[in-house]
Each structure stands twice: as C-alpha cells, then as structure tokens.
PDB file of N, CA and C in Angstrom:
ATOM      1  N   UNK A   1       0.834  -1.170   0.000  1.00  0.00           N
ATOM      2  CA  UNK A   1       0.000   0.000   0.000  1.00  0.00           C
ATOM      3  C   UNK A   1       0.883   1.239   0.000  1.00  0.00           C
ATOM      4  N   UNK A   2       0.532   2.218  -0.773  1.00  0.00           N
ATOM      5  CA  UNK A   2       1.288   3.451  -0.850  1.00  0.00           C
ATOM      6  C   UNK A   2       1.165   4.210   0.464  1.00  0.00           C
ATOM      7  N   UNK A   3       2.301   4.750   0.933  1.00  0.00           N
ATOM      8  CA  UNK A   3       2.285   5.463   2.214  1.00  0.00           C
ATOM      9  C   UNK A   3       1.593   6.814   2.058  1.00  0.00           C
ATOM     10  N   UNK A   4       0.788   7.151   3.023  1.00  0.00           N
ATOM     11  CA  UNK A   4       0.081   8.432   3.034  1.00  0.00           C
ATOM     12  C   UNK A   4       1.082   9.513   3.408  1.00  0.00           C
ATOM     13  N   UNK A   5       1.167  10.586   2.606  1.00  0.00           N
ATOM     14  CA  UNK A   5       2.065  11.671   2.998  1.00  0.00           C
ATOM     15  C   UNK A   5       1.593  12.280   4.317  1.00  0.00           C
ATOM     16  N   UNK A   6       2.535  12.627   5.164  1.00  0.00           N
ATOM     17  CA  UNK A   6       2.194  13.188   6.464  1.00  0.00           C
ATOM     18  C   UNK A   6       2.013  14.698   6.327  1.00  0.00           C
ATOM     19  N   UNK A   7       0.934  15.194   6.893  1.00  0.00           N
ATOM     20  CA  UNK A   7       0.613  16.615   6.842  1.00  0.00           C
ATOM     21  C   UNK A   7       0.340  17.090   8.254  1.00  0.00           C
ATOM     22  N   UNK A   8       0.906  18.224   8.596  1.00  0.00           N
ATOM     23  CA  UNK A   8       0.638  18.829   9.894  1.00  0.00           C
ATOM     24  C   UNK A   8      -0.137  20.111   9.664  1.00  0.00           C
ATOM     25  N   UNK A   9      -1.283  20.211  10.284  1.00  0.00           N
ATOM     26  CA  UNK A   9      -2.087  21.426  10.196  1.00  0.00           C
ATOM     27  C   UNK A   9      -1.856  22.205  11.478  1.00  0.00           C
ATOM     28  N   UNK A  10      -1.262  23.375  11.343  1.00  0.00           N
ATOM     29  CA  UNK A  10      -0.952  24.179  12.517  1.00  0.00           C
ATOM     30  C   UNK A  10      -2.148  25.012  12.972  1.00  0.00           C
ATOM     31  N   UNK A  11      -2.942  25.438  12.031  1.00  0.00           N
ATOM     32  CA  UNK A  11      -4.099  26.260  12.387  1.00  0.00           C
ATOM     33  C   UNK A  11      -5.203  25.991  11.369  1.00  0.00           C
ATOM     34  N   UNK A  12      -6.351  25.634  11.844  1.00  0.00           N
ATOM     35  CA  UNK A  12      -7.493  25.386  10.969  1.00  0.00           C
ATOM     36  C   UNK A  12      -8.689  26.097  11.559  1.00  0.00           C
ATOM     37  N   UNK A  13      -9.260  26.966  10.773  1.00  0.00           N
ATOM     38  CA  UNK A  13     -10.451  27.675  11.221  1.00  0.00           C
ATOM     39  C   UNK A  13     -11.559  27.382  10.223  1.00  0.00           C
ATOM     40  N   UNK A  14     -12.662  26.887  10.735  1.00  0.00           N
ATOM     41  CA  UNK A  14     -13.801  26.557   9.889  1.00  0.00           C
ATOM     42  C   UNK A  14     -14.985  27.371  10.383  1.00  0.00           C
ATOM     43  N   UNK A  15     -15.624  28.083   9.445  1.00  0.00           N
ATOM     44  CA  UNK A  15     -16.799  28.868   9.805  1.00  0.00           C
ATOM     45  C   UNK A  15     -17.949  28.457   8.906  1.00  0.00           C
ATOM     46  N   UNK A  16     -19.072  28.182   9.519  1.00  0.00           N
ATOM     47  CA  UNK A  16     -20.272  27.889   8.760  1.00  0.00           C
ATOM     48  C   UNK A  16     -21.473  28.186   9.643  1.00  0.00           C
ATOM     49  N   UNK A  17     -22.560  28.449   8.983  1.00  0.00           N
ATOM     50  CA  UNK A  17     -23.784  28.768   9.719  1.00  0.00           C
ATOM     51  C   UNK A  17     -24.826  27.719   9.355  1.00  0.00           C
ATOM     52  N   UNK A  18     -25.347  27.078  10.367  1.00  0.00           N
ATOM     53  CA  UNK A  18     -26.332  26.031  10.143  1.00  0.00           C
ATOM     54  C   UNK A  18     -27.457  26.164  11.162  1.00  0.00           C
ATOM     55  N   UNK A  19     -28.539  25.530  10.844  1.00  0.00           N
ATOM     56  CA  UNK A  19     -29.636  25.431  11.801  1.00  0.00           C
ATOM     57  C   UNK A  19     -29.398  24.183  12.637  1.00  0.00           C
ATOM     58  N   UNK A  20     -29.462  24.295  13.930  1.00  0.00           N
ATOM     59  CA  UNK A  20     -29.285  23.135  14.795  1.00  0.00           C
ATOM     60  C   UNK A  20     -27.925  23.139  15.455  1.00  0.00           C
ATOM     61  N   UNK A  21     -27.427  21.951  15.781  1.00  0.00           N
ATOM     62  CA  UNK A  21     -26.173  21.764  16.500  1.00  0.00           C
ATOM     63  C   UNK A  21     -24.985  21.856  15.537  1.00  0.00           C
ATOM     64  N   UNK A  22     -24.233  22.957  15.611  1.00  0.00           N
ATOM     65  CA  UNK A  22     -23.094  23.173  14.709  1.00  0.00           C
ATOM     66  C   UNK A  22     -22.083  22.029  14.774  1.00  0.00           C
ATOM     67  N   UNK A  23     -21.787  21.571  15.984  1.00  0.00           N
ATOM     68  CA  UNK A  23     -20.806  20.501  16.149  1.00  0.00           C
ATOM     69  C   UNK A  23     -21.238  19.218  15.481  1.00  0.00           C
ATOM     70  N   UNK A  24     -22.503  18.885  15.605  1.00  0.00           N
ATOM     71  CA  UNK A  24     -23.014  17.656  14.991  1.00  0.00           C
ATOM     72  C   UNK A  24     -22.981  17.751  13.471  1.00  0.00           C
ATOM     73  N   UNK A  25     -23.331  18.922  12.947  1.00  0.00           N
ATOM     74  CA  UNK A  25     -23.316  19.113  11.487  1.00  0.00           C
ATOM     75  C   UNK A  25     -21.883  19.017  10.972  1.00  0.00           C
ATOM     76  N   UNK A  26     -20.941  19.681  11.660  1.00  0.00           N
ATOM     77  CA  UNK A  26     -19.537  19.610  11.250  1.00  0.00           C
ATOM     78  C   UNK A  26     -19.047  18.174  11.278  1.00  0.00           C
ATOM     79  N   UNK A  27     -19.341  17.468  12.349  1.00  0.00           N
ATOM     80  CA  UNK A  27     -18.895  16.076  12.483  1.00  0.00           C
ATOM     81  C   UNK A  27     -19.458  15.214  11.360  1.00  0.00           C
ATOM     82  N   UNK A  28     -20.732  15.360  11.079  1.00  0.00           N
ATOM     83  CA  UNK A  28     -21.362  14.574  10.016  1.00  0.00           C
ATOM     84  C   UNK A  28     -20.713  14.868   8.662  1.00  0.00           C
ATOM     85  N   UNK A  29     -20.539  16.160   8.348  1.00  0.00           N
ATOM     86  CA  UNK A  29     -19.939  16.527   7.060  1.00  0.00           C
ATOM     87  C   UNK A  29     -18.480  16.090   6.972  1.00  0.00           C
ATOM     88  N   UNK A  30     -17.733  16.280   8.064  1.00  0.00           N
ATOM     89  CA  UNK A  30     -16.333  15.868   8.075  1.00  0.00           C
ATOM     90  C   UNK A  30     -16.228  14.368   7.837  1.00  0.00           C
ATOM     91  N   UNK A  31     -17.007  13.588   8.571  1.00  0.00           N
ATOM     92  CA  UNK A  31     -16.960  12.130   8.418  1.00  0.00           C
ATOM     93  C   UNK A  31     -17.339  11.705   7.003  1.00  0.00           C
ATOM     94  N   UNK A  32     -18.354  12.337   6.454  1.00  0.00           N
ATOM     95  CA  UNK A  32     -18.787  12.015   5.092  1.00  0.00           C
ATOM     96  C   UNK A  32     -17.655  12.255   4.094  1.00  0.00           C
ATOM     97  N   UNK A  33     -16.986  13.377   4.210  1.00  0.00           N
ATOM     98  CA  UNK A  33     -15.944  13.714   3.236  1.00  0.00           C
ATOM     99  C   UNK A  33     -14.640  12.964   3.491  1.00  0.00           C
ATOM    100  N   UNK A  34     -14.299  12.707   4.731  1.00  0.00           N
ATOM    101  CA  UNK A  34     -13.075  11.959   4.997  1.00  0.00           C
ATOM    102  C   UNK A  34     -13.240  10.509   4.548  1.00  0.00           C
ATOM    103  N   UNK A  35     -14.449   9.958   4.682  1.00  0.00           N
ATOM    104  CA  UNK A  35     -14.692   8.599   4.204  1.00  0.00           C
ATOM    105  C   UNK A  35     -14.615   8.532   2.682  1.00  0.00           C
ATOM    106  N   UNK A  36     -15.124   9.553   2.006  1.00  0.00           N
ATOM    107  CA  UNK A  36     -15.029   9.598   0.542  1.00  0.00           C
ATOM    108  C   UNK A  36     -13.565   9.680   0.119  1.00  0.00           C
ATOM    109  N   UNK A  37     -12.792  10.523   0.814  1.00  0.00           N
ATOM    110  CA  UNK A  37     -11.370  10.641   0.498  1.00  0.00           C
ATOM    111  C   UNK A  37     -10.657   9.310   0.731  1.00  0.00           C
ATOM    112  N   UNK A  38     -10.953   8.661   1.860  1.00  0.00           N
ATOM    113  CA  UNK A  38     -10.311   7.389   2.186  1.00  0.00           C
ATOM    114  C   UNK A  38     -10.628   6.333   1.133  1.00  0.00           C
ATOM    115  N   UNK A  39     -11.860   6.299   0.653  1.00  0.00           N
ATOM    116  CA  UNK A  39     -12.250   5.340  -0.393  1.00  0.00           C
ATOM    117  C   UNK A  39     -11.447   5.578  -1.664  1.00  0.00           C
ATOM    118  N   UNK A  40     -11.339   6.844  -2.066  1.00  0.00           N
ATOM    119  CA  UNK A  40     -10.557   7.175  -3.260  1.00  0.00           C
ATOM    120  C   UNK A  40      -9.097   6.774  -3.077  1.00  0.00           C
ATOM    121  N   UNK A  41      -8.554   7.033  -1.897  1.00  0.00           N
ATOM    122  CA  UNK A  41      -7.160   6.689  -1.618  1.00  0.00           C
ATOM    123  C   UNK A  41      -6.953   5.169  -1.647  1.00  0.00           C
ATOM    124  N   UNK A  42      -7.855   4.430  -1.036  1.00  0.00           N
ATOM    125  CA  UNK A  42      -7.753   2.960  -1.041  1.00  0.00           C
ATOM    126  C   UNK A  42      -7.865   2.420  -2.461  1.00  0.00           C
ATOM    127  N   UNK A  43      -8.759   2.990  -3.267  1.00  0.00           N
ATOM    128  CA  UNK A  43      -8.893   2.563  -4.662  1.00  0.00           C
ATOM    129  C   UNK A  43      -7.604   2.829  -5.440  1.00  0.00           C
ATOM    130  N   UNK A  44      -7.004   3.991  -5.193  1.00  0.00           N
ATOM    131  CA  UNK A  44      -5.752   4.334  -5.865  1.00  0.00           C
ATOM    132  C   UNK A  44      -4.649   3.350  -5.476  1.00  0.00           C
ATOM    133  N   UNK A  45      -4.576   3.019  -4.194  1.00  0.00           N
ATOM    134  CA  UNK A  45      -3.572   2.062  -3.725  1.00  0.00           C
ATOM    135  C   UNK A  45      -3.802   0.680  -4.341  1.00  0.00           C
ATOM    136  N   UNK A  46      -5.046   0.267  -4.431  1.00  0.00           N
ATOM    137  CA  UNK A  46      -5.365  -1.037  -5.023  1.00  0.00           C
ATOM    138  C   UNK A  46      -4.969  -1.068  -6.493  1.00  0.00           C
ATOM    139  N   UNK A  47      -5.239   0.025  -7.209  1.00  0.00           N
ATOM    140  CA  UNK A  47      -4.846   0.087  -8.630  1.00  0.00           C
ATOM    141  C   UNK A  47      -3.332   0.025  -8.777  1.00  0.00           C
ATOM    142  N   UNK A  48      -2.608   0.736  -7.910  1.00  0.00           N
ATOM    143  CA  UNK A  48      -1.146   0.726  -7.966  1.00  0.00           C
ATOM    144  C   UNK A  48      -0.610  -0.677  -7.688  1.00  0.00           C
ATOM    145  N   UNK A  49      -1.196  -1.357  -6.709  1.00  0.00           N
ATOM    146  CA  UNK A  49      -0.765  -2.718  -6.377  1.00  0.00           C
ATOM    147  C   UNK A  49      -1.055  -3.662  -7.544  1.00  0.00           C
ATOM    148  N   UNK A  50      -2.233  -3.531  -8.138  1.00  0.00           N
ATOM    149  CA  UNK A  50      -2.603  -4.372  -9.272  1.00  0.00           C
ATOM    150  C   UNK A  50      -1.646  -4.145 -10.445  1.00  0.00           C
ATOM    151  N   UNK A  51      -1.335  -2.881 -10.711  1.00  0.00           N
ATOM    152  CA  UNK A  51      -0.414  -2.549 -11.797  1.00  0.00           C
ATOM    153  C   UNK A  51       0.956  -3.150 -11.532  1.00  0.00           C
ATOM    154  N   UNK A  52       1.441  -3.049 -10.300  1.00  0.00           N
ATOM    155  CA  UNK A  52       2.746  -3.609  -9.951  1.00  0.00           C
ATOM    156  C   UNK A  52       2.734  -5.130 -10.106  1.00  0.00           C
ATOM    157  N   UNK A  53       1.648  -5.781  -9.704  1.00  0.00           N
ATOM    158  CA  UNK A  53       1.529  -7.232  -9.848  1.00  0.00           C
ATOM    159  C   UNK A  53       1.574  -7.629 -11.318  1.00  0.00           C
ATOM    160  N   UNK A  54       0.841  -6.892 -12.159  1.00  0.00           N
ATOM    161  CA  UNK A  54       0.852  -7.187 -13.593  1.00  0.00           C
ATOM    162  C   UNK A  54       2.228  -6.952 -14.194  1.00  0.00           C
ATOM    163  N   UNK A  55       2.910  -5.915 -13.747  1.00  0.00           N
ATOM    164  CA  UNK A  55       4.252  -5.619 -14.255  1.00  0.00           C
ATOM    165  C   UNK A  55       5.210  -6.751 -13.903  1.00  0.00           C
ATOM    166  N   UNK A  56       5.116  -7.248 -12.669  1.00  0.00           N
ATOM    167  CA  UNK A  56       5.981  -8.363 -12.252  1.00  0.00           C
ATOM    168  C   UNK A  56       5.656  -9.623 -13.052  1.00  0.00           C
ATOM    169  N   UNK A  57       4.370  -9.865 -13.299  1.00  0.00           N
ATOM    170  CA  UNK A  57       3.957 -11.040 -14.075  1.00  0.00           C
ATOM    171  C   UNK A  57       4.548 -10.947 -15.479  1.00  0.00           C
ATOM    172  N   UNK A  58       4.462  -9.769 -16.071  1.00  0.00           N
ATOM    173  CA  UNK A  58       5.017  -9.574 -17.418  1.00  0.00           C
ATOM    174  C   UNK A  58       6.517  -9.727 -17.447  1.00  0.00           C
ATOM    175  N   UNK A  59       7.204  -9.222 -16.424  1.00  0.00           N
ATOM    176  CA  UNK A  59       8.661  -9.346 -16.354  1.00  0.00           C
ATOM    177  C   UNK A  59       9.088 -10.799 -16.164  1.00  0.00           C
ATOM    178  N   UNK A  60       8.337 -11.548 -15.371  1.00  0.00           N
ATOM    179  CA  UNK A  60       8.671 -12.951 -15.128  1.00  0.00           C
ATOM    180  C   UNK A  60       8.510 -13.769 -16.391  1.00  0.00           C
ATOM    181  N   UNK A  61       7.515 -13.450 -17.192  1.00  0.00           N
ATOM    182  CA  UNK A  61       7.290 -14.190 -18.430  1.00  0.00           C
ATOM    183  C   UNK A  61       8.372 -13.960 -19.462  1.00  0.00           C
ATOM    184  N   UNK A  62       9.022 -12.820 -19.412  1.00  0.00           N
ATOM    185  CA  UNK A  62      10.072 -12.508 -20.385  1.00  0.00           C
ATOM    186  C   UNK A  62      11.404 -13.149 -20.083  1.00  0.00           C
ATOM    187  N   UNK A  63      11.568 -13.704 -18.867  1.00  0.00           N
ATOM    188  CA  UNK A  63      12.847 -14.295 -18.470  1.00  0.00           C
ATOM    189  C   UNK A  63      13.024 -15.701 -18.979  1.00  0.00           C
ATOM    190  N   UNK A  64      11.972 -16.375 -19.444  1.00  0.00           N
ATOM    191  CA  UNK A  64      12.042 -17.784 -19.825  1.00  0.00           C
ATOM    192  C   UNK A  64      12.839 -17.960 -21.075  1.00  0.00           C
TER     193      UNK A  64
END
C-alpha cells in the first residue's frame, strides 16, 4: 500500500452557519468527506498494487 504523505495542520479555522447543533453538522460533514477521500485513496492504492503485480507477471514471463 502506498504510504500516506504526512501533513501537519498548525491552524485550521472553519466557519459555517447552520440550523441546529453546529458541532453535529460539522462532524457529520467531516466524516462524510473523509470517508469519501479514504475510499478514493484505497482505490488508488489497489490500482497501484494491481499494476505492480501485472508488471511483475510480465517481467517474469520474459525471463524464460
């Protein structure tokens, strides 16, 4: 699996206006988007692994 680059956020300010509990809305939206990002990242890693496997298979076949 490809290593996730490490990022340090020193200051993050988020402002939004919602009806209801701001914290709950932020948490719901954050979780929704971080899960979408994680899915895309996992898919990218799977494609990279598959490509590497195919490359090795092709290289092994050429050695005979």
